[in-house]
Protein backbone atom coordinates (compact mmCIF):
# COMPACT_ATOMS: atom_id res chain seq x y z
CA MET A 1 -21.30 -20.75 -7.47
CA THR A 2 -17.83 -19.20 -7.66
CA PHE A 3 -14.94 -21.61 -7.25
CA PRO A 4 -13.42 -21.84 -4.76
CA SER A 5 -15.90 -20.94 -2.04
CA THR A 6 -14.21 -22.89 0.76
CA LEU A 7 -10.68 -24.08 1.53
CA HIS A 8 -9.30 -26.27 4.30
CA LEU A 9 -5.62 -25.98 5.22
CA PHE A 10 -4.06 -28.66 7.45
CA CYS A 11 -0.90 -27.82 9.42
CA ARG A 12 1.24 -29.89 11.78
CA VAL A 13 3.75 -27.72 13.61
CA VAL A 14 7.27 -29.14 13.32
CA ASP A 15 9.50 -26.05 13.17
CA ASN A 16 7.89 -24.27 16.17
CA TYR A 17 6.83 -21.12 14.33
CA GLY A 18 7.82 -21.51 10.68
CA ASP A 19 5.10 -24.01 9.73
CA ILE A 20 2.24 -22.22 11.43
CA GLY A 21 3.68 -18.88 10.34
CA ILE A 22 3.45 -19.82 6.67
CA CYS A 23 0.00 -21.38 7.00
CA TRP A 24 -1.38 -18.43 8.97
CA ARG A 25 -0.15 -15.88 6.43
CA LEU A 26 -1.57 -17.96 3.57
CA ALA A 27 -4.92 -18.48 5.30
CA ARG A 28 -5.34 -14.76 6.01
CA GLN A 29 -4.38 -13.73 2.50
CA LEU A 30 -6.77 -16.21 0.89
CA GLN A 31 -9.59 -14.92 3.06
CA GLN A 32 -8.82 -11.19 2.96
CA GLU A 33 -7.71 -10.76 -0.65
CA HIS A 34 -9.61 -13.51 -2.44
CA GLY A 35 -12.77 -13.88 -0.35
CA VAL A 36 -12.28 -17.61 0.24
CA ILE A 37 -13.89 -19.12 3.36
CA VAL A 38 -10.84 -20.64 5.03
CA THR A 39 -10.58 -23.19 7.83
CA LEU A 40 -7.12 -23.73 9.29
CA TRP A 41 -6.62 -27.06 11.08
CA VAL A 42 -3.58 -26.88 13.38
CA ASP A 43 -2.29 -29.30 16.00
CA ASP A 44 -0.24 -26.89 18.16
CA LEU A 45 -2.23 -23.89 19.37
CA ALA A 46 0.48 -22.83 21.83
CA SER A 47 2.99 -22.15 19.06
CA PHE A 48 0.24 -20.48 17.05
CA GLN A 49 -0.56 -18.17 19.95
CA ARG A 50 3.06 -16.93 20.11
CA ILE A 51 2.67 -15.30 16.68
CA CYS A 52 -1.06 -14.57 16.97
CA PRO A 53 -2.05 -13.58 20.53
CA GLU A 54 -5.77 -13.69 19.66
CA VAL A 55 -5.69 -17.51 19.50
CA ALA A 56 -7.35 -19.17 22.50
CA LEU A 57 -5.63 -22.34 23.72
CA ASP A 58 -8.73 -24.07 25.15
CA THR A 59 -11.09 -23.65 22.19
CA GLU A 60 -11.81 -26.37 19.64
CA ILE A 61 -13.24 -24.04 16.99
CA GLN A 62 -12.70 -20.28 16.91
CA GLN A 63 -12.76 -17.33 14.54
CA VAL A 64 -9.52 -15.36 14.23
CA ALA A 65 -9.15 -12.50 11.72
CA GLY A 66 -11.94 -13.94 9.58
CA VAL A 67 -10.42 -17.44 9.49
CA THR A 68 -11.96 -20.47 11.23
CA VAL A 69 -9.28 -22.14 13.36
CA ARG A 70 -9.81 -25.75 14.41
CA HIS A 71 -7.67 -27.60 16.93
CA TRP A 72 -6.50 -30.74 15.11
CA ARG A 73 -6.22 -33.32 17.87
CA ASN A 74 -6.22 -36.74 16.20
CA GLN A 75 -6.54 -38.72 12.99
CA ASP A 76 -9.70 -40.63 13.95
CA GLY A 77 -12.42 -38.17 13.05
CA VAL A 78 -15.53 -39.19 11.11
CA PHE A 79 -16.37 -36.93 8.17
CA SER A 80 -19.05 -36.70 5.52
CA ALA A 81 -18.94 -35.17 2.06
CA GLY A 82 -20.54 -32.03 3.49
CA ASP A 83 -17.50 -31.49 5.72
CA VAL A 84 -15.11 -31.25 2.76
CA ALA A 85 -13.96 -27.93 1.25
CA ASP A 86 -13.58 -27.04 -2.44
CA ILE A 87 -9.80 -26.99 -2.01
CA VAL A 88 -7.96 -29.15 0.51
CA ILE A 89 -4.33 -28.32 1.28
CA GLU A 90 -1.99 -30.39 3.40
CA PHE A 91 1.14 -28.48 4.35
CA PHE A 92 4.36 -30.39 3.86
CA ALA A 93 2.80 -33.88 3.60
CA CYS A 94 1.20 -33.71 7.03
CA ASP A 95 -1.15 -36.70 6.41
CA ILE A 96 -4.69 -35.41 6.81
CA PRO A 97 -7.23 -37.67 8.60
CA PRO A 98 -8.06 -40.86 6.66
CA GLY A 99 -11.75 -40.28 7.28
CA TYR A 100 -11.51 -36.88 5.64
CA ILE A 101 -9.85 -38.43 2.57
CA VAL A 102 -12.67 -41.01 2.30
CA ALA A 103 -15.19 -38.18 2.49
CA MET A 104 -13.31 -36.37 -0.29
CA ALA A 105 -13.80 -39.38 -2.56
CA GLU A 106 -17.56 -39.27 -1.90
CA CYS A 107 -17.88 -35.66 -3.10
CA ASN A 108 -19.30 -34.71 -6.49
CA PRO A 109 -17.46 -32.81 -7.79
CA ARG A 110 -14.39 -33.92 -5.89
CA PRO A 111 -12.24 -31.26 -4.24
CA VAL A 112 -8.90 -30.04 -5.52
CA TRP A 113 -6.31 -31.69 -3.27
CA LEU A 114 -2.88 -30.06 -2.97
CA ASN A 115 0.26 -30.83 -1.01
CA LEU A 116 1.94 -27.48 -0.35
CA GLU A 117 5.64 -28.27 -0.12
CA GLY A 118 8.52 -26.51 1.62
CA LEU A 119 10.51 -23.76 -0.06
CA THR A 120 13.84 -24.55 -1.71
CA ALA A 121 15.99 -22.98 -4.42
CA GLU A 122 17.09 -26.36 -5.77
CA GLU A 123 16.49 -26.79 -9.51
CA TRP A 124 14.62 -30.11 -9.23
CA VAL A 125 11.48 -28.42 -7.86
CA GLU A 126 10.67 -27.00 -11.29
CA GLY A 127 10.19 -30.54 -12.60
CA CYS A 128 8.07 -31.59 -9.61
CA HIS A 129 5.88 -28.50 -9.29
CA THR A 130 2.19 -29.37 -9.98
CA LEU A 131 2.92 -33.08 -10.56
CA PRO A 132 -0.09 -35.37 -9.91
CA SER A 133 -0.09 -38.21 -7.38
CA PRO A 134 -3.09 -40.59 -7.77
CA HIS A 135 -4.41 -42.16 -4.60
CA PRO A 136 -3.62 -45.93 -4.56
CA ARG A 137 -7.21 -46.97 -3.77
CA LEU A 138 -9.62 -44.04 -4.05
CA PRO A 139 -10.61 -42.02 -7.14
CA LEU A 140 -8.60 -39.00 -5.97
CA THR A 141 -5.50 -37.24 -7.26
CA LYS A 142 -3.29 -35.03 -5.15
CA HIS A 143 -1.03 -32.44 -6.82
CA PHE A 144 2.26 -31.16 -5.45
CA PHE A 145 2.57 -27.39 -5.27
CA PHE A 146 6.02 -25.92 -4.67
CA PRO A 147 6.77 -22.35 -3.65
CA GLY A 148 9.94 -21.11 -5.26
CA PHE A 149 12.08 -18.47 -6.85
CA THR A 150 11.31 -18.88 -10.58
CA SER A 151 8.31 -18.59 -12.89
CA LYS A 152 8.23 -22.41 -13.06
CA THR A 153 7.27 -22.65 -9.37
CA GLY A 154 4.46 -21.26 -7.22
CA GLY A 155 6.34 -18.12 -6.15
CA LEU A 156 6.52 -16.67 -2.64
CA LEU A 157 3.94 -15.54 -0.11
CA HIS A 158 3.41 -11.82 -0.64
CA GLU A 159 0.35 -9.79 0.31
CA SER A 160 -0.81 -7.23 -2.24
CA ALA A 161 -0.24 -4.25 0.10
CA LEU A 162 3.11 -5.41 1.49
CA GLU A 163 5.41 -3.28 -0.68
CA GLU A 164 3.51 -0.07 0.01
CA GLU A 165 3.34 -0.79 3.76
CA ARG A 166 7.06 -1.43 3.88
CA ARG A 167 7.96 1.72 1.92
CA LYS A 168 5.70 3.86 4.06
CA PHE A 169 7.13 2.52 7.32
CA GLN A 170 10.78 2.65 6.30
CA SER A 171 10.44 6.27 5.15
CA ASP A 172 8.85 7.37 8.45
CA THR A 173 11.63 7.89 11.02
CA ALA A 174 9.13 8.91 13.69
CA ALA A 175 7.16 5.68 13.23
CA ILE A 176 10.38 3.67 13.52
CA ARG A 177 11.31 5.45 16.76
CA VAL A 178 7.85 4.78 18.20
CA PHE A 179 8.10 1.15 17.17
CA PHE A 180 11.47 0.66 18.91
CA ALA A 181 10.41 2.70 21.96
CA GLN A 182 7.69 0.16 22.81
CA PHE A 183 10.47 -2.36 23.48
CA GLY A 184 12.42 0.06 25.68
CA LEU A 185 15.23 0.96 23.29
CA THR A 186 17.15 4.04 24.39
CA PRO A 187 18.13 6.85 21.96
CA ALA A 188 21.68 5.47 21.95
CA GLU A 189 20.44 2.00 21.02
CA MET A 190 18.26 3.44 18.26
CA ALA A 191 21.27 5.28 16.87
CA SER A 192 23.47 2.17 16.86
CA LEU A 193 23.62 -0.59 14.25
CA LYS A 194 20.49 -2.63 14.98
CA VAL A 195 20.50 -6.38 14.38
CA SER A 196 17.57 -8.76 14.85
CA LEU A 197 18.57 -12.30 15.81
CA PHE A 198 16.29 -15.31 15.19
CA CYS A 199 18.14 -18.62 14.94
CA TYR A 200 18.18 -22.24 16.08
CA PRO A 201 19.91 -23.18 19.36
CA HIS A 202 23.05 -24.56 17.70
CA ALA A 203 23.95 -21.31 15.94
CA PRO A 204 27.43 -19.94 16.90
CA VAL A 205 25.92 -17.01 18.77
CA LYS A 206 28.59 -16.80 21.48
CA ALA A 207 31.40 -16.43 18.95
CA LEU A 208 29.50 -13.72 17.12
CA PHE A 209 28.70 -11.89 20.36
CA ASP A 210 32.40 -11.95 21.21
CA ALA A 211 33.26 -10.38 17.86
CA TRP A 212 30.60 -7.69 18.25
CA GLN A 213 31.49 -7.00 21.87
CA ASN A 214 35.13 -6.35 21.00
CA GLY A 215 34.42 -4.48 17.76
CA ALA A 216 34.73 -0.81 16.96
CA SER A 217 31.06 -0.16 16.09
CA THR A 218 28.22 -0.04 18.63
CA ILE A 219 25.64 -2.74 17.98
CA THR A 220 22.23 -3.39 19.50
CA CYS A 221 21.10 -6.99 19.06
CA LEU A 222 17.38 -7.62 19.46
CA VAL A 223 16.53 -11.22 20.34
CA PRO A 224 13.01 -12.67 20.70
CA GLU A 225 12.44 -14.38 24.03
CA GLY A 226 13.36 -18.07 23.91
CA VAL A 227 15.90 -17.80 21.08
CA ALA A 228 19.53 -18.93 21.58
CA VAL A 229 18.82 -19.04 25.31
CA GLU A 230 22.14 -20.49 26.51
CA ALA A 231 24.38 -18.01 24.66
CA VAL A 232 22.09 -15.07 25.39
CA GLN A 233 21.83 -15.80 29.11
CA SER A 234 25.60 -16.20 29.31
CA PHE A 235 26.01 -12.73 27.82
CA LEU A 236 23.26 -11.16 29.91
CA GLY A 237 24.29 -12.73 33.20
CA MET A 238 20.57 -13.13 33.96
CA ASP A 239 17.48 -14.91 32.70
CA ALA A 240 16.71 -14.10 29.08
CA GLN A 241 13.21 -12.77 29.73
CA ALA A 242 11.48 -10.10 27.68
CA GLY A 243 12.80 -6.71 28.75
CA ALA A 244 16.21 -7.98 29.90
CA VAL A 245 19.12 -5.91 28.57
CA GLN A 246 22.90 -5.89 29.03
CA THR A 247 25.76 -3.95 27.51
CA ARG A 248 29.28 -5.32 27.32
CA GLY A 249 31.86 -3.46 25.30
CA ALA A 250 30.36 -2.32 21.99
CA LEU A 251 27.42 -4.75 22.16
CA THR A 252 24.02 -4.32 23.75
CA VAL A 253 21.68 -7.34 23.80
CA ARG A 254 18.01 -6.70 24.44
CA ILE A 255 15.32 -9.39 24.76
CA LEU A 256 12.02 -8.76 23.00
CA PRO A 257 8.70 -10.48 23.60
CA PHE A 258 7.32 -12.58 20.79
CA VAL A 259 5.16 -10.35 18.64
CA ALA A 260 2.39 -10.77 16.09
CA GLN A 261 3.51 -11.33 12.50
CA SER A 262 2.80 -7.74 11.44
CA ASP A 263 5.12 -6.41 14.14
CA TYR A 264 7.78 -8.96 13.26
CA ASP A 265 7.66 -7.65 9.70
CA ARG A 266 8.22 -4.14 11.07
CA LEU A 267 11.15 -5.37 13.13
CA LEU A 268 12.79 -6.71 9.97
CA TRP A 269 12.04 -3.45 8.15
CA ALA A 270 13.49 -1.33 10.97
CA CYS A 271 16.71 -3.22 11.71
CA ASP A 272 19.89 -2.75 9.70
CA ILE A 273 20.68 -6.47 9.45
CA ASN A 274 18.45 -9.47 10.15
CA PHE A 275 19.37 -13.01 11.18
CA VAL A 276 16.43 -15.28 10.35
CA ARG A 277 15.70 -18.99 10.45
CA GLY A 278 13.50 -21.64 8.83
CA GLU A 279 11.14 -20.59 6.06
CA ASP A 280 8.65 -17.96 7.19
CA SER A 281 11.10 -15.40 8.59
CA TRP A 282 13.49 -16.20 5.72
CA VAL A 283 10.90 -15.13 3.14
CA ARG A 284 9.92 -12.05 5.14
CA ALA A 285 13.58 -11.01 5.33
CA GLN A 286 13.78 -11.16 1.55
CA TRP A 287 10.86 -8.72 1.29
CA ALA A 288 12.32 -6.42 3.97
CA GLY A 289 15.04 -5.04 1.69
CA LYS A 290 17.77 -5.31 4.33
CA PRO A 291 20.85 -7.56 4.47
CA PHE A 292 20.00 -10.89 6.09
CA ILE A 293 21.68 -14.11 7.18
CA TRP A 294 19.62 -17.30 6.98
CA HIS A 295 19.93 -20.11 9.53
CA ILE A 296 18.50 -23.16 7.79
CA TYR A 297 16.61 -25.93 9.58
CA PRO A 298 19.06 -28.84 10.09
CA GLN A 299 18.55 -32.16 8.31
CA ASP A 300 20.21 -35.56 8.54
CA GLU A 301 23.47 -36.05 6.63
CA ASN A 302 23.73 -32.25 6.25
CA LEU A 303 21.24 -32.24 3.40
CA HIS A 304 20.32 -28.70 4.47
CA HIS A 305 23.76 -27.51 3.38
CA LYS A 306 22.90 -28.39 -0.21
CA LYS A 307 19.68 -26.42 0.11
CA LEU A 308 21.58 -23.49 1.60
CA ARG A 309 24.15 -23.43 -1.18
CA ALA A 310 21.43 -23.62 -3.83
CA PHE A 311 19.86 -20.46 -2.45
CA LEU A 312 23.14 -18.62 -2.00
CA GLN A 313 24.13 -19.40 -5.57
CA ARG A 314 20.94 -17.70 -6.72
CA TYR A 315 20.89 -14.84 -4.24
CA ALA A 316 24.44 -14.00 -3.23
CA LEU A 317 25.86 -14.13 -6.77
CA ASP A 318 29.37 -12.68 -6.52
CA ILE A 319 29.04 -11.22 -3.01
CA ALA A 320 31.76 -13.34 -1.43
CA SER A 321 31.36 -11.89 2.06
CA LEU A 322 27.66 -12.81 2.22
CA MET A 323 28.39 -16.28 0.91
CA ALA A 324 31.21 -16.85 3.39
CA PHE A 325 29.36 -15.52 6.42
CA SER A 326 26.22 -17.53 5.62
CA LEU A 327 28.17 -20.75 5.21
CA HIS A 328 30.04 -20.26 8.48
CA TRP A 329 26.83 -19.39 10.32
CA ASN A 330 25.40 -22.74 9.21
CA ASP A 331 28.61 -24.71 9.83
CA ALA A 332 28.75 -25.45 6.12
CA GLY A 333 32.45 -24.71 5.69
CA PRO A 334 34.28 -21.60 4.50
CA ALA A 335 33.63 -20.18 1.06
CA LEU A 336 37.26 -19.08 0.84
CA ALA A 337 40.02 -21.06 2.51
CA GLU A 338 41.87 -18.04 3.87
CA GLU A 339 38.81 -16.82 5.79
CA GLN A 340 38.54 -19.88 8.02
CA ALA A 341 36.24 -19.07 10.98
CA ASP A 342 37.47 -15.59 11.81
CA TRP A 343 34.21 -13.96 12.90
CA PRO A 344 35.58 -10.40 13.26
CA ALA A 345 37.04 -10.49 9.74
CA LEU A 346 33.87 -12.01 8.29
CA TRP A 347 31.74 -9.40 9.98
CA GLN A 348 33.93 -6.54 8.78
CA ARG A 349 33.74 -7.80 5.20
CA LEU A 350 29.98 -8.17 5.45
CA GLN A 351 29.67 -4.62 6.72
CA ALA A 352 31.91 -3.31 3.96
CA ASP A 353 29.61 -4.89 1.38
CA ARG A 354 26.33 -3.62 2.87
CA VAL A 355 25.58 -1.18 0.05
CA CYS A 356 26.19 -3.90 -2.53
CA ILE A 357 24.01 -6.33 -0.58
CA GLU A 358 21.18 -3.82 -0.25
CA ARG A 359 21.32 -3.17 -3.99
CA ARG A 360 21.11 -6.91 -4.62
CA SER A 361 18.15 -7.13 -2.24
CA ALA A 362 16.21 -4.55 -4.26
CA ASP A 363 16.96 -6.38 -7.53
CA TRP A 364 15.89 -9.67 -5.96
CA ARG A 365 12.57 -8.28 -4.79
CA ARG A 366 11.78 -7.05 -8.28
CA GLN A 367 12.63 -10.46 -9.75
CA MET A 368 10.48 -12.31 -7.22
CA LEU A 369 7.49 -10.01 -7.76
CA GLU A 370 7.55 -10.85 -11.46
CA ASN A 371 6.72 -14.47 -10.54
CA GLY A 372 3.41 -13.52 -8.95
CA ASP A 373 2.48 -14.40 -5.36
CA LEU A 374 1.98 -17.88 -3.92
CA ALA A 375 -1.67 -17.44 -2.90
CA GLY A 376 -2.74 -16.12 -6.28
CA ASN A 377 -0.74 -18.72 -8.20
CA LEU A 378 -2.17 -21.51 -6.05
CA LEU A 379 -5.75 -20.42 -6.66
CA LYS A 380 -5.15 -20.05 -10.39
CA PHE A 381 -3.78 -23.61 -10.56
CA ALA A 382 -6.68 -24.99 -8.48
CA GLU A 383 -9.24 -23.23 -10.67
CA GLY A 384 -7.61 -24.78 -13.75
CA LEU A 385 -7.88 -28.27 -12.25
CA HIS A 386 -11.50 -27.65 -11.28
CA SER A 387 -12.42 -26.44 -14.76
CA ALA A 388 -10.70 -29.40 -16.43
CA ALA A 389 -12.54 -31.85 -14.16
CA ALA A 390 -15.89 -30.18 -14.86
CA LYS A 391 -15.41 -30.73 -18.61
CA ASN A 392 -14.79 -34.46 -18.19
């Protein structure tokens, strides 16, 4: 029998859409490109449904795009060895059911058990990637698997057809117009500088809107429903529901419905600049080939600022405007003292460097592709562990 035949992926939704977004992309790729029978256990079907409308909220077990989706309700389930998959993945240390772990120990051969960690550019992950963690009581060993930006990590999620799909779409102006038209964009909005905005509620959206509104260039800002609600509703003067639109000065803000992941990818491909948040949209922005600003998930004691700077030091290199804008957007302090928090000046500098940033984006994509993709690297590692265990 080919290994692996089956894989179980456990996901607890913490960051609304980022956690399930990553797990859903990984589950689909493993099934579609590698022929693995995948079961995705997820505790929050409502968040899942926002990015995958086919998900039913009142169904315990369902098939979606070839993947079995199970509603993970509690930790008290009773499992047998027959319930366990060849590979078991817990996303971000989500503590899979104790009964499932006991059943894993009863299997012969035992499954490959992986903890898929969150993405960071910090150097320490290279030393922790693939490290073993023996269970304190049972004859099981879990291994840590880190996505990342170097060949000493697991790489990034990237479907095999993604580059060709992106190139084809971005070179088809008619397809881009049709895509924007479904959201009601006018010809004038399509001709303006188009910005997608996906951020956490504490982002300084009002200050940025003020700078855009009073600027010289026309801007259309496309915001998914439910994002930055307070600042967006203040600008709109109405509820921030899908379809709402308002123009003030040089800025038009239009509210979009939440869309499936494939359409969100197209939104990133079609816009001129993308503001993204968390992990899933952050990675997709890197593949989009457009300038992007990352809003990082906040952590206690501002530990996220260290993570942000680690990425910017790898990605932004000597692009001072991108470094400065990103730090201000995350309230991480100015990169250059004289810039302070002058949003119009920061925006102008960012715009002036767009060609340089786009060139850097293309170089970055090539570098990341050389590391292989996360799904393929994960399976290769799991197959190595399985083969080593079979010899012992």
